Amino acid sequence: MVSDKFTVNNDAQRMAAARYVTESFAEQAGLDGRNALRLELLVEETLGMVKTMLDSFYGQIWFTADGRDVEIHFEATADMDADKKEELLSVSSTGKNVAAKGFMAKLGEMISGALRSAGRSIDAYGQETMKYGVVHTPELMAAYPDMMTIWTLQTYRVDLDQARTDGDFAEEAWDELEKSIVAKLADDIAVGVRGDRIDLVIRKKF
């Protein structure tokens, strides 16, 4: 089952309307009250992250279901001209964004870093975003050469767990991961960024 695509942007009313679209899909997919609420939380947290991360975006959200396996798809195009990319990079270099706390905040920082890194080397991008606890795997990069970056929750969780013995930063990132509503509810999250386009898929088996 595939739902219709619903347009979202920075307009608060438009984002609020996404809740009703989510409720409608949950009913069609046969999710009970508790699972419907979990689906709503995943959508709400994701859209909240994007709104916080980007001043302007235009995107679509839709759902697929195969039995109890549900996917939330979010695709957005960010208004990221050269000046905006430079502004984001400048803010980051001041250290203001380094204080971002929580799993979703760091995921947002990783996406922001990818959006402003067009034309820059992967090594430079990797060094910049490592401070947010983002783990890059050469295997994923090689598998998706057309993407600026590919990130998955499963890979991040495994690699971060292995890195916990190497320092306090990884331990702190692990604690944030364990406290995250989205990380607890989702079975996996996949993020792809190419140019100014964001593709995000959240997978959950209810």
N, C-alpha and C. Protein backbone atom coordinates (compact mmCIF):
# COMPACT_ATOMS: atom_id res chain seq x y z
N MET A 1 0.84 -1.19 0.00
CA MET A 1 0.00 0.00 0.00
C MET A 1 0.88 1.24 0.00
N VAL A 2 0.54 2.16 -0.87
CA VAL A 2 1.30 3.41 -0.97
C VAL A 2 0.32 4.57 -0.85
N SER A 3 0.63 5.51 0.03
CA SER A 3 -0.25 6.66 0.22
C SER A 3 0.02 7.71 -0.85
N ASP A 4 -0.87 8.68 -0.94
CA ASP A 4 -0.61 9.85 -1.78
C ASP A 4 0.51 10.67 -1.16
N LYS A 5 1.17 11.47 -1.98
CA LYS A 5 2.22 12.35 -1.47
C LYS A 5 1.59 13.65 -0.97
N PHE A 6 2.07 14.11 0.17
CA PHE A 6 1.55 15.31 0.80
C PHE A 6 2.65 16.36 0.84
N THR A 7 2.37 17.54 0.34
CA THR A 7 3.37 18.60 0.29
C THR A 7 3.53 19.27 1.65
N VAL A 8 4.78 19.45 2.06
CA VAL A 8 5.07 20.16 3.31
C VAL A 8 6.13 21.22 3.02
N ASN A 9 6.08 22.28 3.81
CA ASN A 9 7.09 23.33 3.75
C ASN A 9 7.18 23.96 5.12
N ASN A 10 7.77 25.16 5.21
CA ASN A 10 7.96 25.79 6.51
C ASN A 10 6.69 26.37 7.10
N ASP A 11 5.62 26.40 6.34
CA ASP A 11 4.36 26.93 6.84
C ASP A 11 3.85 26.05 7.98
N ALA A 12 3.60 26.65 9.14
CA ALA A 12 3.20 25.90 10.33
C ALA A 12 1.90 25.14 10.10
N GLN A 13 0.95 25.75 9.41
CA GLN A 13 -0.33 25.09 9.18
C GLN A 13 -0.16 23.89 8.26
N ARG A 14 0.72 24.02 7.28
CA ARG A 14 0.97 22.91 6.36
C ARG A 14 1.61 21.73 7.09
N MET A 15 2.54 22.05 7.98
CA MET A 15 3.20 20.99 8.73
C MET A 15 2.23 20.35 9.71
N ALA A 16 1.36 21.15 10.31
CA ALA A 16 0.37 20.60 11.24
C ALA A 16 -0.60 19.68 10.51
N ALA A 17 -0.92 20.02 9.25
CA ALA A 17 -1.84 19.19 8.47
C ALA A 17 -1.25 17.81 8.19
N ALA A 18 0.07 17.69 8.24
CA ALA A 18 0.70 16.39 8.03
C ALA A 18 0.25 15.38 9.07
N ARG A 19 -0.15 15.87 10.23
CA ARG A 19 -0.62 14.98 11.29
C ARG A 19 -1.89 14.25 10.85
N TYR A 20 -2.79 14.97 10.19
CA TYR A 20 -4.04 14.34 9.76
C TYR A 20 -3.79 13.33 8.64
N VAL A 21 -2.82 13.63 7.78
CA VAL A 21 -2.44 12.68 6.73
C VAL A 21 -1.88 11.41 7.36
N THR A 22 -1.07 11.59 8.40
CA THR A 22 -0.49 10.44 9.12
C THR A 22 -1.57 9.61 9.79
N GLU A 23 -2.52 10.28 10.44
CA GLU A 23 -3.61 9.57 11.10
C GLU A 23 -4.43 8.77 10.09
N SER A 24 -4.68 9.37 8.92
CA SER A 24 -5.46 8.69 7.89
C SER A 24 -4.74 7.44 7.40
N PHE A 25 -3.42 7.55 7.20
CA PHE A 25 -2.67 6.39 6.73
C PHE A 25 -2.64 5.30 7.80
N ALA A 26 -2.46 5.70 9.05
CA ALA A 26 -2.42 4.73 10.14
C ALA A 26 -3.72 3.93 10.19
N GLU A 27 -4.84 4.61 9.96
CA GLU A 27 -6.13 3.92 9.96
C GLU A 27 -6.22 2.95 8.79
N GLN A 28 -5.78 3.40 7.60
CA GLN A 28 -5.82 2.53 6.43
C GLN A 28 -4.91 1.31 6.59
N ALA A 29 -3.78 1.51 7.28
CA ALA A 29 -2.82 0.42 7.48
C ALA A 29 -3.23 -0.51 8.62
N GLY A 30 -4.31 -0.17 9.32
CA GLY A 30 -4.80 -1.01 10.39
C GLY A 30 -4.00 -0.93 11.67
N LEU A 31 -3.32 0.21 11.89
CA LEU A 31 -2.54 0.38 13.12
C LEU A 31 -3.46 0.74 14.28
N ASP A 32 -3.21 0.13 15.43
CA ASP A 32 -4.03 0.46 16.60
C ASP A 32 -3.59 1.82 17.17
N GLY A 33 -4.27 2.26 18.21
CA GLY A 33 -4.03 3.58 18.76
C GLY A 33 -2.59 3.84 19.16
N ARG A 34 -1.96 2.87 19.84
CA ARG A 34 -0.58 3.05 20.30
C ARG A 34 0.38 3.14 19.12
N ASN A 35 0.22 2.27 18.14
CA ASN A 35 1.11 2.28 16.99
C ASN A 35 0.87 3.50 16.09
N ALA A 36 -0.37 3.94 16.02
CA ALA A 36 -0.67 5.15 15.26
C ALA A 36 0.04 6.34 15.90
N LEU A 37 0.06 6.38 17.23
CA LEU A 37 0.75 7.45 17.94
C LEU A 37 2.26 7.39 17.69
N ARG A 38 2.81 6.20 17.64
CA ARG A 38 4.23 6.05 17.35
C ARG A 38 4.56 6.58 15.96
N LEU A 39 3.70 6.28 15.00
CA LEU A 39 3.90 6.78 13.65
C LEU A 39 3.85 8.31 13.63
N GLU A 40 2.89 8.87 14.34
CA GLU A 40 2.77 10.33 14.41
C GLU A 40 4.01 10.96 15.03
N LEU A 41 4.55 10.34 16.07
CA LEU A 41 5.75 10.87 16.72
C LEU A 41 6.94 10.87 15.77
N LEU A 42 7.08 9.81 14.99
CA LEU A 42 8.19 9.73 14.04
C LEU A 42 8.08 10.85 12.99
N VAL A 43 6.88 11.08 12.49
CA VAL A 43 6.68 12.14 11.50
C VAL A 43 6.91 13.51 12.13
N GLU A 44 6.37 13.71 13.31
CA GLU A 44 6.50 15.01 13.99
C GLU A 44 7.95 15.35 14.28
N GLU A 45 8.71 14.38 14.80
CA GLU A 45 10.11 14.63 15.12
C GLU A 45 10.92 14.90 13.86
N THR A 46 10.62 14.18 12.79
CA THR A 46 11.36 14.37 11.55
C THR A 46 11.11 15.74 10.94
N LEU A 47 9.85 16.14 10.85
CA LEU A 47 9.53 17.45 10.29
C LEU A 47 10.05 18.57 11.18
N GLY A 48 10.01 18.35 12.50
CA GLY A 48 10.55 19.35 13.41
C GLY A 48 12.04 19.54 13.21
N MET A 49 12.76 18.45 12.98
CA MET A 49 14.19 18.54 12.73
C MET A 49 14.47 19.35 11.46
N VAL A 50 13.73 19.05 10.39
CA VAL A 50 13.96 19.73 9.12
C VAL A 50 13.64 21.21 9.25
N LYS A 51 12.55 21.54 9.94
CA LYS A 51 12.18 22.95 10.11
C LYS A 51 13.24 23.71 10.90
N THR A 52 13.80 23.07 11.92
CA THR A 52 14.84 23.71 12.71
C THR A 52 16.12 23.88 11.90
N MET A 53 16.39 22.92 11.03
CA MET A 53 17.63 22.89 10.27
C MET A 53 17.64 23.87 9.11
N LEU A 54 16.49 24.05 8.45
CA LEU A 54 16.42 24.84 7.23
C LEU A 54 15.42 25.98 7.38
N ASP A 55 15.83 27.18 6.96
CA ASP A 55 14.92 28.31 6.97
C ASP A 55 13.83 28.15 5.92
N SER A 56 14.18 27.49 4.84
CA SER A 56 13.22 27.34 3.75
C SER A 56 13.40 25.98 3.09
N PHE A 57 12.31 25.25 2.95
CA PHE A 57 12.37 23.98 2.25
C PHE A 57 11.00 23.68 1.63
N TYR A 58 11.04 22.84 0.61
CA TYR A 58 9.82 22.38 -0.04
C TYR A 58 9.95 20.88 -0.19
N GLY A 59 8.98 20.15 0.33
CA GLY A 59 9.13 18.71 0.29
C GLY A 59 7.82 17.96 0.22
N GLN A 60 7.94 16.66 0.17
CA GLN A 60 6.78 15.78 0.14
C GLN A 60 7.01 14.64 1.12
N ILE A 61 5.92 14.22 1.74
CA ILE A 61 5.98 13.09 2.65
C ILE A 61 4.91 12.09 2.22
N TRP A 62 5.26 10.82 2.27
CA TRP A 62 4.29 9.76 1.96
C TRP A 62 4.67 8.49 2.70
N PHE A 63 3.77 7.52 2.65
CA PHE A 63 3.95 6.29 3.42
C PHE A 63 3.78 5.08 2.52
N THR A 64 4.47 4.01 2.87
CA THR A 64 4.23 2.71 2.24
C THR A 64 4.06 1.68 3.34
N ALA A 65 3.28 0.65 3.05
CA ALA A 65 3.08 -0.42 4.03
C ALA A 65 3.01 -1.75 3.30
N ASP A 66 3.73 -2.71 3.84
CA ASP A 66 3.70 -4.09 3.35
C ASP A 66 3.44 -4.97 4.57
N GLY A 67 2.18 -5.26 4.80
CA GLY A 67 1.82 -5.93 6.04
C GLY A 67 2.05 -4.99 7.21
N ARG A 68 2.90 -5.41 8.17
CA ARG A 68 3.20 -4.58 9.33
C ARG A 68 4.46 -3.75 9.13
N ASP A 69 5.10 -3.88 7.97
CA ASP A 69 6.30 -3.11 7.67
C ASP A 69 5.90 -1.78 7.04
N VAL A 70 6.23 -0.70 7.73
CA VAL A 70 5.84 0.64 7.29
C VAL A 70 7.08 1.48 7.03
N GLU A 71 7.03 2.27 5.98
CA GLU A 71 8.10 3.21 5.68
C GLU A 71 7.53 4.62 5.58
N ILE A 72 8.21 5.57 6.21
CA ILE A 72 7.91 6.99 6.07
C ILE A 72 8.93 7.56 5.09
N HIS A 73 8.46 8.13 4.01
CA HIS A 73 9.35 8.72 3.02
C HIS A 73 9.23 10.24 3.09
N PHE A 74 10.38 10.88 3.14
CA PHE A 74 10.41 12.35 3.13
C PHE A 74 11.45 12.79 2.11
N GLU A 75 11.01 13.60 1.19
CA GLU A 75 11.89 14.11 0.14
C GLU A 75 11.74 15.62 0.11
N ALA A 76 12.86 16.33 0.18
CA ALA A 76 12.78 17.79 0.23
C ALA A 76 13.87 18.42 -0.62
N THR A 77 13.57 19.59 -1.10
CA THR A 77 14.55 20.42 -1.78
C THR A 77 14.75 21.66 -0.93
N ALA A 78 15.99 21.88 -0.52
CA ALA A 78 16.29 23.01 0.34
C ALA A 78 16.62 24.24 -0.50
N ASP A 79 16.25 25.39 0.01
CA ASP A 79 16.59 26.65 -0.65
C ASP A 79 18.01 27.01 -0.23
N MET A 80 18.97 26.41 -0.92
CA MET A 80 20.37 26.52 -0.52
C MET A 80 21.20 27.13 -1.63
N ASP A 81 21.10 28.46 -1.81
CA ASP A 81 21.95 29.11 -2.78
C ASP A 81 23.35 29.28 -2.19
N ALA A 82 24.27 29.84 -2.96
CA ALA A 82 25.66 29.94 -2.53
C ALA A 82 25.80 30.76 -1.25
N ASP A 83 25.03 31.85 -1.14
CA ASP A 83 25.12 32.69 0.06
C ASP A 83 24.64 31.93 1.29
N LYS A 84 23.56 31.15 1.14
CA LYS A 84 23.04 30.40 2.28
C LYS A 84 24.01 29.33 2.72
N LYS A 85 24.65 28.65 1.77
CA LYS A 85 25.64 27.64 2.12
C LYS A 85 26.80 28.27 2.88
N GLU A 86 27.24 29.44 2.41
CA GLU A 86 28.35 30.12 3.06
C GLU A 86 27.96 30.58 4.46
N GLU A 87 26.72 31.03 4.61
CA GLU A 87 26.23 31.46 5.92
C GLU A 87 26.21 30.30 6.90
N LEU A 88 25.71 29.15 6.46
CA LEU A 88 25.69 27.97 7.32
C LEU A 88 27.09 27.55 7.72
N LEU A 89 28.00 27.58 6.76
CA LEU A 89 29.37 27.20 7.03
C LEU A 89 30.01 28.15 8.03
N SER A 90 29.71 29.45 7.89
CA SER A 90 30.26 30.45 8.79
C SER A 90 29.75 30.25 10.21
N VAL A 91 28.46 29.99 10.35
CA VAL A 91 27.88 29.76 11.68
C VAL A 91 28.52 28.55 12.32
N SER A 92 28.71 27.50 11.53
CA SER A 92 29.30 26.29 12.06
C SER A 92 30.71 26.53 12.55
N SER A 93 31.48 27.34 11.82
CA SER A 93 32.87 27.56 12.19
C SER A 93 33.01 28.37 13.46
N THR A 94 31.95 29.09 13.88
CA THR A 94 32.02 29.85 15.12
C THR A 94 31.87 28.95 16.34
N GLY A 95 31.40 27.75 16.12
CA GLY A 95 31.21 26.82 17.22
C GLY A 95 29.81 26.86 17.80
N LYS A 96 28.94 27.73 17.28
CA LYS A 96 27.59 27.84 17.83
C LYS A 96 26.81 26.54 17.66
N ASN A 97 27.03 25.86 16.55
CA ASN A 97 26.28 24.64 16.29
C ASN A 97 26.87 23.42 16.97
N VAL A 98 28.10 23.55 17.47
CA VAL A 98 28.75 22.42 18.11
C VAL A 98 27.99 22.00 19.35
N ALA A 99 27.26 22.94 19.95
CA ALA A 99 26.53 22.65 21.19
C ALA A 99 25.24 21.89 20.94
N ALA A 100 24.93 21.60 19.69
CA ALA A 100 23.69 20.87 19.39
C ALA A 100 23.66 19.56 20.15
N LYS A 101 22.59 19.36 20.88
CA LYS A 101 22.47 18.17 21.71
C LYS A 101 21.35 17.28 21.21
N GLY A 102 21.52 16.01 21.38
CA GLY A 102 20.49 15.07 21.02
C GLY A 102 20.72 14.45 19.66
N PHE A 103 20.19 13.25 19.50
CA PHE A 103 20.39 12.50 18.28
C PHE A 103 19.83 13.23 17.06
N MET A 104 18.60 13.74 17.14
CA MET A 104 18.00 14.41 16.00
C MET A 104 18.75 15.68 15.64
N ALA A 105 19.26 16.40 16.64
CA ALA A 105 20.04 17.60 16.37
C ALA A 105 21.30 17.25 15.59
N LYS A 106 21.95 16.16 15.97
CA LYS A 106 23.17 15.77 15.27
C LYS A 106 22.87 15.25 13.87
N LEU A 107 21.75 14.57 13.73
CA LEU A 107 21.35 14.12 12.40
C LEU A 107 21.09 15.34 11.51
N GLY A 108 20.45 16.36 12.07
CA GLY A 108 20.22 17.59 11.32
C GLY A 108 21.50 18.28 10.93
N GLU A 109 22.48 18.29 11.83
CA GLU A 109 23.76 18.91 11.54
C GLU A 109 24.47 18.15 10.42
N MET A 110 24.36 16.84 10.43
CA MET A 110 24.99 16.04 9.38
C MET A 110 24.37 16.38 8.02
N ILE A 111 23.04 16.49 7.98
CA ILE A 111 22.38 16.82 6.72
C ILE A 111 22.76 18.22 6.28
N SER A 112 22.79 19.17 7.23
CA SER A 112 23.21 20.53 6.89
C SER A 112 24.61 20.54 6.31
N GLY A 113 25.49 19.76 6.92
CA GLY A 113 26.87 19.68 6.44
C GLY A 113 26.93 19.15 5.03
N ALA A 114 26.11 18.16 4.72
CA ALA A 114 26.10 17.59 3.37
C ALA A 114 25.55 18.60 2.36
N LEU A 115 24.53 19.36 2.75
CA LEU A 115 23.93 20.33 1.85
C LEU A 115 24.92 21.42 1.46
N ARG A 116 25.75 21.82 2.40
CA ARG A 116 26.68 22.91 2.10
C ARG A 116 28.03 22.43 1.60
N SER A 117 28.15 21.11 1.38
CA SER A 117 29.45 20.56 1.02
C SER A 117 29.58 20.23 -0.46
N ALA A 118 28.62 20.65 -1.27
CA ALA A 118 28.70 20.38 -2.71
C ALA A 118 29.99 20.96 -3.26
N GLY A 119 30.73 20.14 -3.97
CA GLY A 119 31.98 20.59 -4.56
C GLY A 119 33.17 20.47 -3.65
N ARG A 120 32.96 20.09 -2.39
CA ARG A 120 34.08 19.91 -1.47
C ARG A 120 34.41 18.44 -1.38
N SER A 121 35.61 18.13 -0.95
CA SER A 121 36.04 16.74 -0.89
C SER A 121 35.32 16.00 0.21
N ILE A 122 35.14 14.69 0.03
CA ILE A 122 34.51 13.87 1.06
C ILE A 122 35.35 13.88 2.33
N ASP A 123 36.68 13.92 2.20
CA ASP A 123 37.54 13.96 3.38
C ASP A 123 37.27 15.20 4.21
N ALA A 124 37.16 16.36 3.54
CA ALA A 124 36.88 17.60 4.26
C ALA A 124 35.52 17.55 4.93
N TYR A 125 34.55 17.01 4.20
CA TYR A 125 33.20 16.88 4.75
C TYR A 125 33.21 15.94 5.95
N GLY A 126 33.91 14.83 5.83
CA GLY A 126 33.96 13.87 6.92
C GLY A 126 34.59 14.45 8.17
N GLN A 127 35.68 15.21 8.00
CA GLN A 127 36.33 15.81 9.16
C GLN A 127 35.42 16.81 9.84
N GLU A 128 34.65 17.54 9.05
CA GLU A 128 33.75 18.54 9.62
C GLU A 128 32.63 17.92 10.42
N THR A 129 32.04 16.84 9.90
CA THR A 129 30.86 16.28 10.53
C THR A 129 31.16 15.22 11.59
N MET A 130 32.39 14.76 11.68
CA MET A 130 32.73 13.81 12.73
C MET A 130 32.46 14.37 14.12
N LYS A 131 32.56 15.72 14.26
CA LYS A 131 32.33 16.32 15.57
C LYS A 131 30.88 16.17 16.03
N TYR A 132 30.00 15.80 15.10
CA TYR A 132 28.61 15.56 15.46
C TYR A 132 28.32 14.09 15.69
N GLY A 133 29.35 13.28 15.73
CA GLY A 133 29.15 11.87 15.98
C GLY A 133 28.68 11.11 14.76
N VAL A 134 28.86 11.67 13.58
CA VAL A 134 28.44 11.02 12.35
C VAL A 134 29.51 10.03 11.91
N VAL A 135 29.10 8.83 11.60
CA VAL A 135 30.02 7.79 11.18
C VAL A 135 29.87 7.57 9.68
N HIS A 136 30.97 7.67 8.94
CA HIS A 136 30.95 7.48 7.48
C HIS A 136 31.58 6.14 7.15
N THR A 137 30.95 5.38 6.29
CA THR A 137 31.52 4.09 5.91
C THR A 137 31.86 4.11 4.43
N PRO A 138 33.08 3.74 4.07
CA PRO A 138 33.47 3.70 2.65
C PRO A 138 32.57 2.79 1.82
N GLU A 139 32.07 1.72 2.43
CA GLU A 139 31.22 0.79 1.70
C GLU A 139 29.94 1.48 1.22
N LEU A 140 29.33 2.25 2.10
CA LEU A 140 28.10 2.95 1.72
C LEU A 140 28.39 4.03 0.69
N MET A 141 29.51 4.75 0.86
CA MET A 141 29.88 5.78 -0.09
C MET A 141 30.08 5.16 -1.48
N ALA A 142 30.75 4.01 -1.53
CA ALA A 142 31.03 3.35 -2.80
C ALA A 142 29.76 2.82 -3.45
N ALA A 143 28.81 2.37 -2.62
CA ALA A 143 27.57 1.80 -3.14
C ALA A 143 26.65 2.86 -3.74
N TYR A 144 26.79 4.11 -3.24
CA TYR A 144 25.93 5.20 -3.71
C TYR A 144 26.79 6.38 -4.15
N PRO A 145 27.53 6.24 -5.25
CA PRO A 145 28.47 7.30 -5.66
C PRO A 145 27.79 8.59 -6.09
N ASP A 146 26.49 8.52 -6.44
CA ASP A 146 25.79 9.72 -6.88
C ASP A 146 25.30 10.56 -5.71
N MET A 147 25.43 10.06 -4.50
CA MET A 147 25.00 10.79 -3.32
C MET A 147 26.20 11.45 -2.64
N MET A 148 25.96 12.65 -2.09
CA MET A 148 27.02 13.29 -1.33
C MET A 148 27.33 12.48 -0.08
N THR A 149 26.29 11.97 0.54
CA THR A 149 26.51 11.11 1.71
C THR A 149 25.35 10.14 1.86
N ILE A 150 25.65 8.99 2.37
CA ILE A 150 24.62 8.02 2.73
C ILE A 150 24.84 7.67 4.19
N TRP A 151 23.78 7.72 4.96
CA TRP A 151 23.87 7.46 6.40
C TRP A 151 22.69 6.57 6.78
N THR A 152 22.94 5.58 7.62
CA THR A 152 21.85 4.76 8.13
C THR A 152 21.98 4.62 9.64
N LEU A 153 20.84 4.52 10.29
CA LEU A 153 20.82 4.37 11.74
C LEU A 153 21.50 3.07 12.17
N GLN A 154 21.26 1.99 11.44
CA GLN A 154 21.83 0.70 11.82
C GLN A 154 23.36 0.75 11.80
N THR A 155 23.92 1.32 10.74
CA THR A 155 25.38 1.43 10.65
C THR A 155 25.93 2.34 11.74
N TYR A 156 25.25 3.46 11.95
CA TYR A 156 25.68 4.40 12.99
C TYR A 156 25.66 3.75 14.36
N ARG A 157 24.62 3.00 14.66
CA ARG A 157 24.50 2.36 15.96
C ARG A 157 25.63 1.35 16.20
N VAL A 158 25.90 0.53 15.18
CA VAL A 158 26.96 -0.48 15.30
C VAL A 158 28.33 0.17 15.45
N ASP A 159 28.63 1.12 14.57
CA ASP A 159 29.95 1.76 14.60
C ASP A 159 30.15 2.58 15.87
N LEU A 160 29.09 3.24 16.32
CA LEU A 160 29.20 4.04 17.54
C LEU A 160 29.42 3.15 18.76
N ASP A 161 28.75 2.02 18.79
CA ASP A 161 28.92 1.08 19.90
C ASP A 161 30.37 0.59 19.96
N GLN A 162 30.95 0.33 18.80
CA GLN A 162 32.34 -0.12 18.76
C GLN A 162 33.31 0.98 19.17
N ALA A 163 32.92 2.23 18.94
CA ALA A 163 33.81 3.36 19.24
C ALA A 163 33.71 3.83 20.69
N ARG A 164 32.78 3.29 21.46
CA ARG A 164 32.57 3.78 22.82
C ARG A 164 33.79 3.60 23.71
N THR A 165 34.63 2.62 23.41
CA THR A 165 35.82 2.40 24.23
C THR A 165 36.95 3.38 23.90
N ASP A 166 36.76 4.17 22.84
CA ASP A 166 37.84 5.06 22.39
C ASP A 166 37.79 6.45 23.00
N GLY A 167 36.70 6.82 23.63
CA GLY A 167 36.65 8.16 24.20
C GLY A 167 35.29 8.52 24.73
N ASP A 168 35.26 9.65 25.47
CA ASP A 168 34.03 10.10 26.10
C ASP A 168 33.00 10.59 25.08
N PHE A 169 33.50 11.12 23.94
CA PHE A 169 32.57 11.67 22.96
C PHE A 169 31.62 10.59 22.44
N ALA A 170 32.16 9.44 22.10
CA ALA A 170 31.33 8.35 21.60
C ALA A 170 30.34 7.88 22.66
N GLU A 171 30.75 7.88 23.90
CA GLU A 171 29.86 7.48 25.00
C GLU A 171 28.71 8.47 25.13
N GLU A 172 29.03 9.76 25.01
CA GLU A 172 27.99 10.78 25.09
C GLU A 172 27.01 10.64 23.92
N ALA A 173 27.54 10.41 22.72
CA ALA A 173 26.69 10.24 21.54
C ALA A 173 25.80 9.01 21.69
N TRP A 174 26.35 7.96 22.31
CA TRP A 174 25.56 6.73 22.53
C TRP A 174 24.41 7.01 23.50
N ASP A 175 24.69 7.76 24.56
CA ASP A 175 23.64 8.11 25.52
C ASP A 175 22.53 8.90 24.84
N GLU A 176 22.91 9.84 23.96
CA GLU A 176 21.91 10.63 23.25
C GLU A 176 21.08 9.74 22.32
N LEU A 177 21.74 8.78 21.71
CA LEU A 177 21.04 7.85 20.84
C LEU A 177 20.01 7.05 21.63
N GLU A 178 20.41 6.58 22.82
CA GLU A 178 19.51 5.77 23.64
C GLU A 178 18.32 6.57 24.15
N LYS A 179 18.47 7.89 24.27
CA LYS A 179 17.40 8.73 24.79
C LYS A 179 16.48 9.25 23.69
N SER A 180 16.86 9.08 22.44
CA SER A 180 16.10 9.64 21.33
C SER A 180 14.81 8.86 21.10
N ILE A 181 13.71 9.59 20.99
CA ILE A 181 12.42 8.97 20.68
C ILE A 181 12.48 8.29 19.33
N VAL A 182 13.03 8.98 18.34
CA VAL A 182 13.08 8.44 16.99
C VAL A 182 13.97 7.20 16.93
N ALA A 183 15.14 7.27 17.56
CA ALA A 183 16.06 6.13 17.53
C ALA A 183 15.45 4.91 18.22
N LYS A 184 14.65 5.14 19.24
CA LYS A 184 13.99 4.03 19.95
C LYS A 184 12.87 3.42 19.12
N LEU A 185 12.12 4.28 18.43
CA LEU A 185 10.94 3.81 17.72
C LEU A 185 11.27 3.22 16.35
N ALA A 186 12.25 3.81 15.66
CA ALA A 186 12.54 3.39 14.29
C ALA A 186 13.43 2.15 14.27
N ASP A 187 13.15 1.26 13.33
CA ASP A 187 14.03 0.12 13.11
C ASP A 187 15.27 0.55 12.33
N ASP A 188 15.08 1.47 11.41
CA ASP A 188 16.22 2.01 10.66
C ASP A 188 15.83 3.35 10.06
N ILE A 189 16.84 4.17 9.81
CA ILE A 189 16.68 5.45 9.13
C ILE A 189 17.76 5.51 8.06
N ALA A 190 17.38 5.87 6.85
CA ALA A 190 18.37 6.03 5.78
C ALA A 190 18.27 7.45 5.26
N VAL A 191 19.42 8.11 5.15
CA VAL A 191 19.48 9.49 4.69
C VAL A 191 20.39 9.58 3.48
N GLY A 192 19.90 10.19 2.42
CA GLY A 192 20.73 10.47 1.25
C GLY A 192 20.64 11.94 0.93
N VAL A 193 21.77 12.55 0.58
CA VAL A 193 21.80 13.97 0.21
C VAL A 193 22.56 14.10 -1.10
N ARG A 194 21.94 14.76 -2.05
CA ARG A 194 22.60 15.01 -3.33
C ARG A 194 22.29 16.44 -3.74
N GLY A 195 23.32 17.27 -3.79
CA GLY A 195 23.10 18.67 -4.11
C GLY A 195 22.25 19.32 -3.03
N ASP A 196 21.08 19.85 -3.42
CA ASP A 196 20.18 20.47 -2.45
C ASP A 196 18.97 19.59 -2.15
N ARG A 197 19.07 18.31 -2.51
CA ARG A 197 17.95 17.38 -2.31
C ARG A 197 18.24 16.43 -1.15
N ILE A 198 17.23 16.26 -0.29
CA ILE A 198 17.32 15.36 0.85
C ILE A 198 16.33 14.23 0.64
N ASP A 199 16.79 13.00 0.79
CA ASP A 199 15.92 11.83 0.75
C ASP A 199 16.06 11.10 2.08
N LEU A 200 14.96 10.94 2.78
CA LEU A 200 15.00 10.31 4.11
C LEU A 200 13.91 9.25 4.17
N VAL A 201 14.28 8.07 4.63
CA VAL A 201 13.32 6.97 4.79
C VAL A 201 13.45 6.42 6.21
N ILE A 202 12.32 6.35 6.89
CA ILE A 202 12.28 5.76 8.24
C ILE A 202 11.50 4.46 8.14
N ARG A 203 12.11 3.38 8.62
CA ARG A 203 11.47 2.06 8.54
C ARG A 203 11.06 1.60 9.94
N LYS A 204 9.86 1.03 10.03
CA LYS A 204 9.34 0.57 11.31
C LYS A 204 8.44 -0.64 11.08
N LYS A 205 8.69 -1.71 11.82
CA LYS A 205 7.80 -2.88 11.78
C LYS A 205 6.90 -2.82 13.01
N PHE A 206 5.61 -2.69 12.78
CA PHE A 206 4.65 -2.56 13.87
C PHE A 206 4.10 -3.94 14.28
